[in-house]
Amino acid sequence: MGGLISAYAVMEFPNVFGGAGCVSTHWPIAGGIVEDYVATHVPAPGRHRFYFDYGTEAIDAQYEPYQKRVDAAMRARGYRPGVDMVSHRYLGAAHNEAAWRDRIEVPLVFLLRP
């Protein structure tokens, strides 16, 4: 649930947190209620960055439709792909530490670049 709590932290405390690394985020929780929350609570773009990703195997195989709706909500709010938000789909990646280790540099570079 680290991806969810990271996104929540930025949305609830935008003056404290500048970015969220949401890796294999479990969007399906509570029937997708989090999507509505994102649409109404994401801070205005310009000072924050959001990184999202998911795999296509195991539990991650459920995430794509939710992630697409979250991405659309972010774009509707003014977030620009590649600028202040990133969303990646990793073919063959599962929901486990080995998969996350293999791609950890991607969110870190995006979130920590000047």
C-alpha atoms as a PDB file:
ATOM      1  CA  MET A   1       0.000   0.000   0.000  1.00  0.00           C
ATOM      2  CA  GLY A   2       3.064   2.248  -0.206  1.00  0.00           C
ATOM      3  CA  GLY A   3       1.975   3.799  -3.494  1.00  0.00           C
ATOM      4  CA  LEU A   4      -1.407   4.737  -2.074  1.00  0.00           C
ATOM      5  CA  ILE A   5      -0.010   6.297   1.080  1.00  0.00           C
ATOM      6  CA  SER A   6       2.590   8.204  -0.938  1.00  0.00           C
ATOM      7  CA  ALA A   7      -0.047   9.711  -3.218  1.00  0.00           C
ATOM      8  CA  TYR A   8      -2.259  10.455  -0.225  1.00  0.00           C
ATOM      9  CA  ALA A   9       0.574  12.246   1.574  1.00  0.00           C
ATOM     10  CA  VAL A  10       1.117  14.637  -1.336  1.00  0.00           C
ATOM     11  CA  MET A  11      -2.596  15.228  -1.766  1.00  0.00           C
ATOM     12  CA  GLU A  12      -3.262  15.889   1.913  1.00  0.00           C
ATOM     13  CA  PHE A  13      -0.028  17.730   2.685  1.00  0.00           C
ATOM     14  CA  PRO A  14       1.099  19.383  -0.566  1.00  0.00           C
ATOM     15  CA  ASN A  15       3.123  21.980   1.326  1.00  0.00           C
ATOM     16  CA  VAL A  16       5.175  19.209   2.947  1.00  0.00           C
ATOM     17  CA  PHE A  17       5.597  16.641   0.144  1.00  0.00           C
ATOM     18  CA  GLY A  18       6.673  17.492  -3.382  1.00  0.00           C
ATOM     19  CA  GLY A  19       6.327  14.129  -5.039  1.00  0.00           C
ATOM     20  CA  ALA A  20       5.074  10.586  -4.793  1.00  0.00           C
ATOM     21  CA  GLY A  21       6.591   7.372  -6.074  1.00  0.00           C
ATOM     22  CA  CYS A  22       3.632   5.050  -6.593  1.00  0.00           C
ATOM     23  CA  VAL A  23       5.044   1.667  -7.595  1.00  0.00           C
ATOM     24  CA  SER A  24       2.534  -1.150  -8.254  1.00  0.00           C
ATOM     25  CA  THR A  25      -0.193   0.887  -6.606  1.00  0.00           C
ATOM     26  CA  HIS A  26      -3.156  -1.154  -5.404  1.00  0.00           C
ATOM     27  CA  TRP A  27      -5.865   1.033  -6.969  1.00  0.00           C
ATOM     28  CA  PRO A  28      -8.584  -1.676  -6.781  1.00  0.00           C
ATOM     29  CA  ILE A  29      -8.894  -1.324  -2.998  1.00  0.00           C
ATOM     30  CA  ALA A  30     -12.459  -0.583  -1.891  1.00  0.00           C
ATOM     31  CA  GLY A  31     -13.794  -0.940  -5.409  1.00  0.00           C
ATOM     32  CA  GLY A  32     -11.666   1.835  -6.873  1.00  0.00           C
ATOM     33  CA  ILE A  33     -12.792   4.581  -4.491  1.00  0.00           C
ATOM     34  CA  VAL A  34      -9.286   6.025  -4.565  1.00  0.00           C
ATOM     35  CA  GLU A  35      -9.766   7.168  -8.164  1.00  0.00           C
ATOM     36  CA  ASP A  36     -12.500   9.597  -7.108  1.00  0.00           C
ATOM     37  CA  TYR A  37     -10.304  10.853  -4.295  1.00  0.00           C
ATOM     38  CA  VAL A  38      -7.443  11.551  -6.723  1.00  0.00           C
ATOM     39  CA  ALA A  39      -9.743  13.486  -9.042  1.00  0.00           C
ATOM     40  CA  THR A  40     -10.863  15.782  -6.230  1.00  0.00           C
ATOM     41  CA  HIS A  41      -7.720  16.060  -4.087  1.00  0.00           C
ATOM     42  CA  VAL A  42      -4.679  16.171  -6.350  1.00  0.00           C
ATOM     43  CA  PRO A  43      -2.959  19.547  -5.855  1.00  0.00           C
ATOM     44  CA  ALA A  44      -2.632  22.002  -8.699  1.00  0.00           C
ATOM     45  CA  PRO A  45       0.210  21.087 -11.045  1.00  0.00           C
ATOM     46  CA  GLY A  46       3.471  22.947 -11.192  1.00  0.00           C
ATOM     47  CA  ARG A  47       5.084  22.123  -7.855  1.00  0.00           C
ATOM     48  CA  HIS A  48       4.519  18.378  -7.520  1.00  0.00           C
ATOM     49  CA  ARG A  49       5.523  15.204  -9.329  1.00  0.00           C
ATOM     50  CA  PHE A  50       3.768  11.868  -9.401  1.00  0.00           C
ATOM     51  CA  TYR A  51       5.313   8.636 -10.636  1.00  0.00           C
ATOM     52  CA  PHE A  52       3.034   5.638 -11.254  1.00  0.00           C
ATOM     53  CA  ASP A  53       3.842   2.186 -12.553  1.00  0.00           C
ATOM     54  CA  TYR A  54       2.477  -1.326 -12.642  1.00  0.00           C
ATOM     55  CA  GLY A  55       3.324  -4.715 -14.064  1.00  0.00           C
ATOM     56  CA  THR A  56       1.204  -7.082 -16.094  1.00  0.00           C
ATOM     57  CA  GLU A  57       1.568 -10.272 -14.023  1.00  0.00           C
ATOM     58  CA  ALA A  58       0.026 -11.565 -10.801  1.00  0.00           C
ATOM     59  CA  ILE A  59      -1.968  -8.956  -8.850  1.00  0.00           C
ATOM     60  CA  ASP A  60      -0.525  -6.127 -10.961  1.00  0.00           C
ATOM     61  CA  ALA A  61      -2.519  -7.474 -13.918  1.00  0.00           C
ATOM     62  CA  GLN A  62      -5.603  -5.896 -12.274  1.00  0.00           C
ATOM     63  CA  TYR A  63      -4.164  -2.389 -12.103  1.00  0.00           C
ATOM     64  CA  GLU A  64      -4.222  -1.127 -15.694  1.00  0.00           C
ATOM     65  CA  PRO A  65      -7.858   0.043 -15.969  1.00  0.00           C
ATOM     66  CA  TYR A  66      -7.593   1.861 -12.650  1.00  0.00           C
ATOM     67  CA  GLN A  67      -4.271   3.426 -13.561  1.00  0.00           C
ATOM     68  CA  LYS A  68      -5.664   4.673 -16.859  1.00  0.00           C
ATOM     69  CA  ARG A  69      -8.495   6.433 -15.024  1.00  0.00           C
ATOM     70  CA  VAL A  70      -6.078   7.944 -12.502  1.00  0.00           C
ATOM     71  CA  ASP A  71      -3.868   9.125 -15.379  1.00  0.00           C
ATOM     72  CA  ALA A  72      -6.887  10.733 -17.067  1.00  0.00           C
ATOM     73  CA  ALA A  73      -7.850  12.490 -13.823  1.00  0.00           C
ATOM     74  CA  MET A  74      -4.305  13.797 -13.443  1.00  0.00           C
ATOM     75  CA  ARG A  75      -4.223  15.084 -17.036  1.00  0.00           C
ATOM     76  CA  ALA A  76      -7.638  16.694 -16.569  1.00  0.00           C
ATOM     77  CA  ARG A  77      -6.220  18.554 -13.578  1.00  0.00           C
ATOM     78  CA  GLY A  78      -3.347  19.838 -15.758  1.00  0.00           C
ATOM     79  CA  TYR A  79      -0.555  17.357 -15.050  1.00  0.00           C
ATOM     80  CA  ARG A  80       1.656  16.736 -18.073  1.00  0.00           C
ATOM     81  CA  PRO A  81       3.020  13.276 -18.868  1.00  0.00           C
ATOM     82  CA  GLY A  82       6.802  13.256 -18.689  1.00  0.00           C
ATOM     83  CA  VAL A  83       6.884  16.649 -16.984  1.00  0.00           C
ATOM     84  CA  ASP A  84       5.122  16.379 -13.654  1.00  0.00           C
ATOM     85  CA  MET A  85       3.662  12.899 -13.940  1.00  0.00           C
ATOM     86  CA  VAL A  86       4.845   9.581 -15.324  1.00  0.00           C
ATOM     87  CA  SER A  87       2.882   6.379 -15.755  1.00  0.00           C
ATOM     88  CA  HIS A  88       4.647   3.201 -16.906  1.00  0.00           C
ATOM     89  CA  ARG A  89       3.392  -0.285 -17.714  1.00  0.00           C
ATOM     90  CA  TYR A  90       6.025  -3.005 -17.321  1.00  0.00           C
ATOM     91  CA  LEU A  91       5.290  -6.077 -19.421  1.00  0.00           C
ATOM     92  CA  GLY A  92       5.925  -9.302 -17.538  1.00  0.00           C
ATOM     93  CA  ALA A  93       6.558  -7.577 -14.200  1.00  0.00           C
ATOM     94  CA  ALA A  94       4.827  -8.909 -11.100  1.00  0.00           C
ATOM     95  CA  HIS A  95       4.024  -7.373  -7.717  1.00  0.00           C
ATOM     96  CA  ASN A  96       7.206  -8.193  -5.825  1.00  0.00           C
ATOM     97  CA  GLU A  97      10.479  -6.776  -4.593  1.00  0.00           C
ATOM     98  CA  ALA A  98      12.502  -8.262  -7.452  1.00  0.00           C
ATOM     99  CA  ALA A  99      10.352  -6.480 -10.041  1.00  0.00           C
ATOM    100  CA  TRP A 100      10.526  -3.203  -8.126  1.00  0.00           C
ATOM    101  CA  ARG A 101      14.303  -3.528  -7.724  1.00  0.00           C
ATOM    102  CA  ASP A 102      14.690  -3.913 -11.484  1.00  0.00           C
ATOM    103  CA  ARG A 103      13.053  -0.524 -12.133  1.00  0.00           C
ATOM    104  CA  ILE A 104      13.781   1.529  -9.007  1.00  0.00           C
ATOM    105  CA  GLU A 105      16.035   3.957 -10.857  1.00  0.00           C
ATOM    106  CA  VAL A 106      13.141   5.143 -13.055  1.00  0.00           C
ATOM    107  CA  PRO A 107      11.030   6.732 -10.300  1.00  0.00           C
ATOM    108  CA  LEU A 108      14.084   7.969  -8.440  1.00  0.00           C
ATOM    109  CA  VAL A 109      15.490   9.787 -11.464  1.00  0.00           C
ATOM    110  CA  PHE A 110      12.109  11.292 -12.295  1.00  0.00           C
ATOM    111  CA  LEU A 111      11.295  12.401  -8.752  1.00  0.00           C
ATOM    112  CA  LEU A 112      14.750  13.647  -7.758  1.00  0.00           C
ATOM    113  CA  ARG A 113      15.836  15.465 -10.904  1.00  0.00           C
ATOM    114  CA  PRO A 114      16.197  19.220 -10.572  1.00  0.00           C
END
